[in-house]
Protein backbone atom coordinates (compact mmCIF):
# COMPACT_ATOMS: atom_id res chain seq x y z
CA MET A 1 50.15 -9.28 86.24
CA THR A 2 49.84 -6.19 84.00
CA THR A 3 47.78 -5.86 80.85
CA GLN A 4 50.96 -6.72 78.93
CA GLY A 5 50.75 -10.04 80.72
CA LEU A 6 47.65 -10.67 78.61
CA VAL A 7 49.88 -11.46 75.65
CA GLU A 8 51.92 -13.97 77.65
CA LEU A 9 48.77 -15.52 79.12
CA THR A 10 47.16 -15.84 75.69
CA ALA A 11 50.32 -17.43 74.29
CA LYS A 12 50.41 -19.88 77.21
CA LEU A 13 46.82 -20.95 76.59
CA MET A 14 47.45 -21.26 72.85
CA ALA A 15 50.43 -23.53 73.51
CA ILE A 16 48.20 -26.06 75.29
CA PRO A 17 46.53 -28.22 72.61
CA SER A 18 42.77 -28.36 73.18
CA VAL A 19 41.05 -29.60 70.04
CA SER A 20 37.50 -30.64 70.94
CA ARG A 21 37.34 -33.88 72.97
CA ASN A 22 40.93 -33.28 74.15
CA GLU A 23 40.48 -30.55 76.75
CA VAL A 24 41.80 -32.36 79.84
CA GLU A 25 45.22 -30.66 79.86
CA ILE A 26 43.90 -27.13 79.47
CA ALA A 27 41.14 -27.79 81.99
CA ASP A 28 43.75 -28.99 84.50
CA TRP A 29 45.91 -25.92 83.88
CA THR A 30 42.96 -23.53 84.17
CA GLN A 31 41.73 -25.19 87.35
CA GLN A 32 45.18 -24.79 88.93
CA PHE A 33 45.41 -21.14 87.87
CA LEU A 34 42.04 -20.26 89.41
CA SER A 35 42.52 -22.42 92.50
CA ASN A 36 45.55 -20.29 93.39
CA LEU A 37 43.22 -17.30 93.85
CA PRO A 38 41.81 -17.68 97.39
CA TRP A 39 38.92 -15.25 96.83
CA LEU A 40 37.34 -17.61 94.30
CA GLU A 41 35.18 -20.65 94.94
CA VAL A 42 36.30 -23.12 92.26
CA THR A 43 34.28 -26.08 91.01
CA ARG A 44 35.10 -28.60 88.32
CA PHE A 45 32.45 -30.28 86.16
CA LYS A 46 33.88 -32.83 83.73
CA ASN A 47 36.43 -30.72 81.78
CA SER A 48 34.87 -27.39 82.63
CA ILE A 49 35.90 -24.99 85.38
CA ILE A 50 33.58 -22.68 87.30
CA ALA A 51 35.01 -19.97 89.57
CA ARG A 52 32.90 -17.53 91.60
CA THR A 53 33.31 -14.63 93.99
CA MET A 54 30.90 -14.82 96.91
CA LEU A 55 30.91 -11.24 98.19
CA GLY A 56 27.16 -10.75 98.52
CA ARG A 57 27.03 -7.99 95.91
CA SER A 58 23.62 -6.91 94.61
CA GLU A 59 24.49 -7.96 91.04
CA ARG A 60 26.32 -10.91 89.50
CA VAL A 61 28.07 -10.92 86.12
CA LEU A 62 28.81 -14.25 84.46
CA MET A 63 31.59 -14.50 81.88
CA ALA A 64 31.94 -17.64 79.82
CA GLY A 65 34.34 -18.96 77.21
CA HIS A 66 35.08 -22.31 75.64
CA LEU A 67 38.38 -24.11 76.11
CA ASP A 68 38.26 -26.15 72.90
CA THR A 69 39.41 -25.27 69.39
CA VAL A 70 38.77 -26.66 65.95
CA PRO A 71 41.51 -28.92 64.45
CA PRO A 72 44.71 -27.11 63.39
CA ALA A 73 45.45 -25.91 59.88
CA GLY A 74 49.24 -25.84 60.11
CA ASN A 75 48.97 -23.13 62.78
CA GLU A 76 49.43 -25.16 65.96
CA GLN A 77 52.35 -23.15 67.36
CA PRO A 78 51.63 -19.63 68.63
CA VAL A 79 53.61 -16.86 66.99
CA VAL A 80 53.96 -13.56 68.84
CA ASP A 81 55.08 -10.27 67.35
CA ASP A 82 54.78 -6.60 68.33
CA SER A 83 51.18 -6.33 67.09
CA GLY A 84 49.58 -9.55 68.29
CA LEU A 85 49.44 -13.31 68.35
CA PHE A 86 48.96 -15.67 65.44
CA GLY A 87 47.86 -19.29 65.53
CA LEU A 88 45.14 -21.75 66.42
CA GLY A 89 42.75 -20.48 69.06
CA SER A 90 44.21 -16.99 69.21
CA CYS A 91 40.89 -15.26 68.60
CA ASP A 92 38.52 -18.22 69.01
CA MET A 93 38.85 -17.93 71.84
CA LYS A 94 41.97 -18.11 73.95
CA GLY A 95 42.38 -14.35 73.82
CA GLY A 96 38.97 -14.07 75.46
CA LEU A 97 39.91 -16.74 78.01
CA ALA A 98 43.08 -14.82 78.87
CA VAL A 99 41.02 -11.67 79.47
CA MET A 100 38.76 -13.62 81.82
CA LEU A 101 41.66 -15.15 83.74
CA LEU A 102 43.40 -11.79 84.16
CA LEU A 103 40.18 -10.22 85.44
CA ALA A 104 39.83 -13.08 87.92
CA LYS A 105 43.41 -12.56 89.12
CA THR A 106 43.35 -8.76 89.42
CA HIS A 107 39.85 -8.15 90.84
CA PRO A 108 39.65 -9.89 94.24
CA LYS A 109 36.88 -7.51 95.39
CA PRO A 110 34.93 -6.45 92.30
CA GLY A 111 31.93 -4.15 92.58
CA ARG A 112 29.77 -6.90 91.10
CA ASP A 113 30.03 -10.57 92.03
CA LEU A 114 31.61 -12.61 89.26
CA THR A 115 31.19 -16.07 87.83
CA PHE A 116 33.75 -17.37 85.35
CA ILE A 117 32.90 -20.49 83.35
CA LEU A 118 35.56 -22.00 81.09
CA TYR A 119 33.93 -24.95 79.39
CA SER A 120 34.54 -27.75 76.93
CA GLY A 121 32.79 -29.08 73.86
CA GLU A 122 31.55 -25.88 72.23
CA GLU A 123 33.00 -26.43 68.75
CA ILE A 124 31.26 -29.78 68.16
CA GLU A 125 27.78 -31.24 68.42
CA ARG A 126 25.36 -29.63 70.83
CA SER A 127 25.09 -32.81 72.94
CA ALA A 128 28.81 -32.50 73.84
CA ASN A 129 28.55 -28.89 75.02
CA GLU A 130 29.39 -28.89 78.74
CA LEU A 131 27.84 -25.45 79.33
CA ARG A 132 24.51 -26.96 78.29
CA MET A 133 25.18 -29.96 80.55
CA LEU A 134 25.86 -27.55 83.42
CA ALA A 135 22.55 -25.81 82.77
CA GLU A 136 20.77 -29.16 82.99
CA LYS A 137 22.54 -30.56 86.05
CA HIS A 138 23.73 -27.51 88.02
CA ARG A 139 21.48 -24.63 87.02
CA ASP A 140 22.40 -22.73 90.20
CA LEU A 141 25.98 -22.25 88.96
CA LEU A 142 24.64 -20.19 86.04
CA GLU A 143 22.60 -17.79 88.18
CA CYS A 144 23.45 -14.20 87.27
CA ASP A 145 22.00 -10.84 86.27
CA VAL A 146 23.78 -10.77 82.93
CA ALA A 147 26.03 -13.14 80.98
CA ILE A 148 28.87 -12.24 78.62
CA LEU A 149 30.23 -14.74 76.12
CA CYS A 150 33.82 -13.64 75.49
CA GLU A 151 33.62 -14.74 71.86
CA PRO A 152 35.63 -12.67 69.32
CA THR A 153 33.71 -9.48 68.47
CA ASN A 154 36.51 -6.89 68.05
CA SER A 155 35.61 -5.64 71.55
CA ARG A 156 32.19 -4.57 70.33
CA VAL A 157 28.83 -5.75 71.61
CA GLU A 158 27.46 -8.31 69.16
CA ALA A 159 23.92 -8.61 70.41
CA GLY A 160 21.83 -11.77 70.47
CA CYS A 161 22.48 -14.42 67.86
CA GLN A 162 20.87 -16.18 64.95
CA GLY A 163 19.06 -19.46 65.36
CA SER A 164 20.15 -22.46 63.32
CA ILE A 165 18.31 -25.36 61.68
CA ARG A 166 19.85 -28.32 59.89
CA MET A 167 17.27 -30.10 57.78
CA GLN A 168 17.60 -33.14 55.53
CA VAL A 169 15.43 -33.53 52.46
CA ILE A 170 15.22 -37.01 50.91
CA ILE A 171 13.93 -37.18 47.33
CA ARG A 172 13.00 -40.61 45.99
CA GLY A 173 12.87 -41.68 42.35
CA THR A 174 12.91 -45.03 40.57
CA ARG A 175 16.05 -47.00 39.81
CA ALA A 176 16.73 -48.01 36.19
CA HIS A 177 19.58 -48.78 33.77
CA SER A 178 21.27 -45.57 32.62
CA ALA A 179 20.92 -46.78 29.00
CA ARG A 180 17.13 -46.75 29.47
CA PRO A 181 16.53 -43.77 31.83
CA TRP A 182 12.91 -43.39 30.67
CA MET A 183 12.15 -46.57 32.59
CA GLY A 184 13.11 -44.89 35.86
CA LYS A 185 12.97 -41.52 37.59
CA ASN A 186 16.27 -39.81 38.40
CA ALA A 187 16.19 -38.62 42.01
CA ILE A 188 19.20 -36.33 41.49
CA HIS A 189 17.44 -34.56 38.65
CA LEU A 190 14.35 -34.19 40.82
CA ALA A 191 16.48 -32.27 43.33
CA ALA A 192 17.46 -29.63 40.75
CA PRO A 193 14.61 -27.17 41.51
CA LEU A 194 15.43 -27.28 45.23
CA ILE A 195 19.14 -26.62 44.61
CA SER A 196 18.32 -23.82 42.20
CA LEU A 197 15.92 -22.21 44.65
CA LEU A 198 18.52 -22.31 47.41
CA GLY A 199 21.18 -20.89 45.10
CA HIS A 200 19.04 -17.91 44.07
CA GLU A 201 17.46 -17.01 47.38
CA ASP A 202 17.77 -13.34 48.32
CA LEU A 203 19.16 -12.34 51.70
CA HIS A 204 16.40 -11.52 54.15
CA ARG A 205 17.29 -8.66 56.49
CA VAL A 206 15.49 -8.38 59.84
CA PRO A 207 16.04 -5.29 62.07
CA ILE A 208 15.63 -5.89 65.82
CA ASP A 209 16.58 -3.35 68.51
CA GLY A 210 18.54 -1.38 65.91
CA CYS A 211 20.58 -4.46 64.94
CA GLU A 212 20.24 -6.07 61.51
CA PHE A 213 20.05 -9.85 61.41
CA ILE A 214 20.45 -11.59 58.05
CA GLU A 215 18.58 -14.80 57.31
CA THR A 216 20.16 -17.30 54.92
CA SER A 217 19.63 -20.89 53.79
CA GLN A 218 22.29 -22.97 52.11
CA ALA A 219 22.65 -26.47 50.72
CA VAL A 220 25.58 -27.80 52.75
CA GLY A 221 25.57 -31.44 51.65
CA ILE A 222 24.26 -33.72 48.93
CA GLN A 223 24.44 -37.51 48.64
CA GLY A 224 23.16 -39.61 45.80
CA GLY A 225 24.08 -42.13 43.18
CA VAL A 226 24.32 -45.90 43.01
CA ALA A 227 26.79 -46.75 40.25
CA GLY A 228 28.08 -45.30 36.99
CA ASN A 229 25.41 -47.10 34.98
CA VAL A 230 22.38 -46.76 37.26
CA VAL A 231 19.69 -44.08 37.39
CA PRO A 232 19.68 -43.15 41.11
CA ASP A 233 16.52 -43.73 43.10
CA GLU A 234 17.42 -41.52 46.07
CA VAL A 235 19.21 -38.27 46.82
CA ARG A 236 19.67 -36.54 50.17
CA VAL A 237 20.11 -32.77 50.41
CA THR A 238 21.14 -31.18 53.71
CA ILE A 239 20.09 -27.58 54.26
CA ASN A 240 21.42 -25.22 56.93
CA SER A 241 19.26 -22.22 57.70
CA ARG A 242 20.17 -19.28 59.91
CA PHE A 243 17.18 -17.27 61.10
CA ALA A 244 16.54 -14.08 63.03
CA PRO A 245 15.51 -14.27 66.69
CA ASP A 246 12.12 -12.68 65.99
CA LYS A 247 10.88 -16.22 65.27
CA THR A 248 10.39 -19.22 67.49
CA LEU A 249 12.05 -22.46 66.50
CA ASP A 250 8.72 -23.92 65.35
CA GLN A 251 7.97 -20.85 63.23
CA ALA A 252 11.39 -20.97 61.60
CA ILE A 253 11.07 -24.70 60.81
CA GLU A 254 7.64 -24.24 59.26
CA LEU A 255 8.87 -21.30 57.19
CA LEU A 256 11.81 -23.35 55.94
CA ARG A 257 9.51 -26.21 54.95
CA SER A 258 7.07 -23.99 53.11
CA ARG A 259 9.78 -21.99 51.36
CA PHE A 260 11.66 -24.91 49.82
CA ILE A 261 9.48 -27.99 49.78
CA SER A 262 7.08 -26.10 47.51
CA SER A 263 9.66 -26.52 44.71
CA PHE A 264 8.61 -30.15 44.21
CA GLN A 265 5.88 -31.34 41.89
CA PRO A 266 2.72 -33.16 43.01
CA GLY A 267 3.51 -36.84 43.07
CA ASP A 268 7.19 -36.43 43.94
CA ILE A 269 8.15 -38.54 46.94
CA VAL A 270 9.85 -36.28 49.46
CA GLU A 271 10.74 -36.84 53.11
CA VAL A 272 11.86 -34.04 55.39
CA SER A 273 13.55 -34.40 58.78
CA VAL A 274 15.04 -31.84 61.15
CA GLU A 275 18.49 -33.10 62.17
CA ASP A 276 19.41 -30.30 64.56
CA ALA A 277 17.77 -27.04 65.64
CA THR A 278 18.71 -24.30 68.09
CA PRO A 279 16.72 -21.12 68.73
CA GLY A 280 18.26 -17.69 68.38
CA ALA A 281 18.56 -15.04 71.07
CA PRO A 282 17.14 -11.49 71.00
CA PRO A 283 19.51 -8.53 71.39
CA ASN A 284 18.00 -7.53 74.77
CA LEU A 285 19.56 -4.09 74.43
CA SER A 286 16.93 -2.52 76.66
CA ASN A 287 18.51 -4.40 79.56
CA PRO A 288 20.26 -1.75 81.71
CA LEU A 289 23.41 -3.82 82.23
CA LEU A 290 23.81 -4.50 78.51
CA LYS A 291 23.18 -0.82 77.80
CA GLU A 292 25.97 -0.01 80.24
CA LEU A 293 28.38 -2.35 78.45
CA VAL A 294 27.51 -0.75 75.11
CA GLU A 295 28.28 2.69 76.54
CA ILE A 296 31.60 1.52 77.99
CA SER A 297 32.62 0.00 74.63
CA SER A 298 32.02 3.34 72.83
CA GLN A 299 30.76 1.49 69.76
CA ASP A 300 27.29 0.91 68.39
CA PRO A 301 26.15 -2.69 68.87
CA VAL A 302 25.61 -5.01 65.90
CA ALA A 303 23.74 -8.26 65.45
CA LYS A 304 25.61 -11.52 66.01
CA LEU A 305 25.56 -13.31 62.67
CA GLY A 306 26.15 -16.82 63.90
CA LEU A 307 25.06 -19.14 66.67
CA THR A 308 26.66 -18.84 70.10
CA ASP A 309 25.74 -19.99 73.57
CA VAL A 310 24.00 -16.66 74.11
CA SER A 311 21.07 -18.73 72.84
CA LEU A 312 21.36 -21.01 75.89
CA PHE A 313 21.14 -18.04 78.25
CA ALA A 314 18.12 -16.76 76.33
CA GLU A 315 16.46 -20.16 76.86
CA LEU A 316 17.20 -19.77 80.59
CA GLY A 317 15.71 -16.27 80.65
CA ILE A 318 19.09 -14.58 81.24
CA ALA A 319 20.09 -11.44 79.33
CA ALA A 320 23.38 -12.13 77.54
CA THR A 321 25.63 -10.82 74.81
CA ASN A 322 28.83 -11.58 72.91
CA PHE A 323 31.85 -9.40 73.72
CA GLY A 324 35.53 -10.21 73.43
CA PRO A 325 38.81 -9.68 71.57
CA GLY A 326 39.44 -10.86 68.03
CA ASP A 327 37.86 -10.81 64.60
CA SER A 328 35.38 -13.68 64.21
CA GLY A 329 36.00 -13.60 60.46
CA LEU A 330 39.45 -15.08 61.13
CA ALA A 331 38.19 -17.88 63.39
CA HIS A 332 38.76 -21.44 62.14
CA SER A 333 41.11 -20.18 59.40
CA PRO A 334 44.86 -20.67 58.88
CA GLN A 335 45.20 -16.88 59.27
CA GLU A 336 43.70 -16.80 62.77
CA ARG A 337 45.16 -14.06 64.97
CA VAL A 338 44.29 -11.59 67.72
CA GLU A 339 45.69 -8.06 68.03
CA ASN A 340 47.29 -6.85 71.26
CA ASP A 341 45.27 -3.61 71.18
CA ASP A 342 42.05 -5.61 71.00
CA LEU A 343 43.07 -7.75 73.97
CA PHE A 344 43.81 -4.62 75.97
CA LYS A 345 40.55 -2.94 74.97
CA SER A 346 38.40 -5.93 75.94
CA HIS A 347 40.17 -6.12 79.27
CA GLU A 348 39.76 -2.39 79.90
CA CYS A 349 36.04 -2.39 79.04
CA LEU A 350 35.24 -5.44 81.14
CA SER A 351 37.31 -4.10 84.05
CA LYS A 352 35.15 -0.98 84.08
CA PHE A 353 31.99 -3.04 83.75
CA ILE A 354 32.65 -5.35 86.70
CA ASP A 355 33.90 -2.52 88.90
CA PRO A 356 31.55 0.41 88.24
CA THR A 357 32.31 3.60 90.16
């Protein structure tokens, strides 16, 4: 299979529906593809496939990519033209999966031992993520010297990742008839300072290892109201915060509390709960293997503005980065696509990396 076969392989993967929780078919297909390569030891865990070379090399590179996609937006069928592929999953991340599969097929004796993990449940809640389940139940399968998440990065090292916190703030008032609002306390109105503060917050830029992370906090949900003639006694505001990996999870949570809960007045009844929280991952660009990948890519690294499973590898003490074909700005959109040149470049860079001369 030549590099041009990357386009056909990507199209094949795109044509297999794999919206989260429906990855059985693509897992079956991937398992069969890898099982036909006798130099690989292939293991299946739920709907995730792990394939490894066992050559006794002094270094092991792990490459990982998720099989699932978000729901379609009228772009279910792959469209191929002379420049690239268009459709659901093209860049996030079946182009990256195709690169991994081609590397597995064409490098039976790589200079570095390889582990390929193609896993399910990445696009939904953390508890469904099968890579995290693997780390809990079969930690040995993740052993490596460096891990590469083949997420879309335009074939450029996107180092580390932001952490993420989802926090719910409940503001309580007093219910009353809307014709006599002075007899109550409108919980929605009490939330106004918090919403205003979130809406006017400046971006906070944090440089780490020459990469600039941007911290943001957004109101991503609000629920309140009883009826059209009732002063509401409760409102719930959900905040999502993305923070730089120079902070621990506890530090980021405390900062978020102090920054926004201070907007309330003494006597206001406010409850705060953390619904979900994941730490970030540092760039780790002093790691010699990651430095080598940066040099091969011929592009300066940038910070990963988003949360990826690089954070999991950081929790495990494994140096990791994001590197793969596609523009992440097009992921999850009706315009999703991946360019042929980007597929070829990712494949070329990773081929050099796993087979150093």
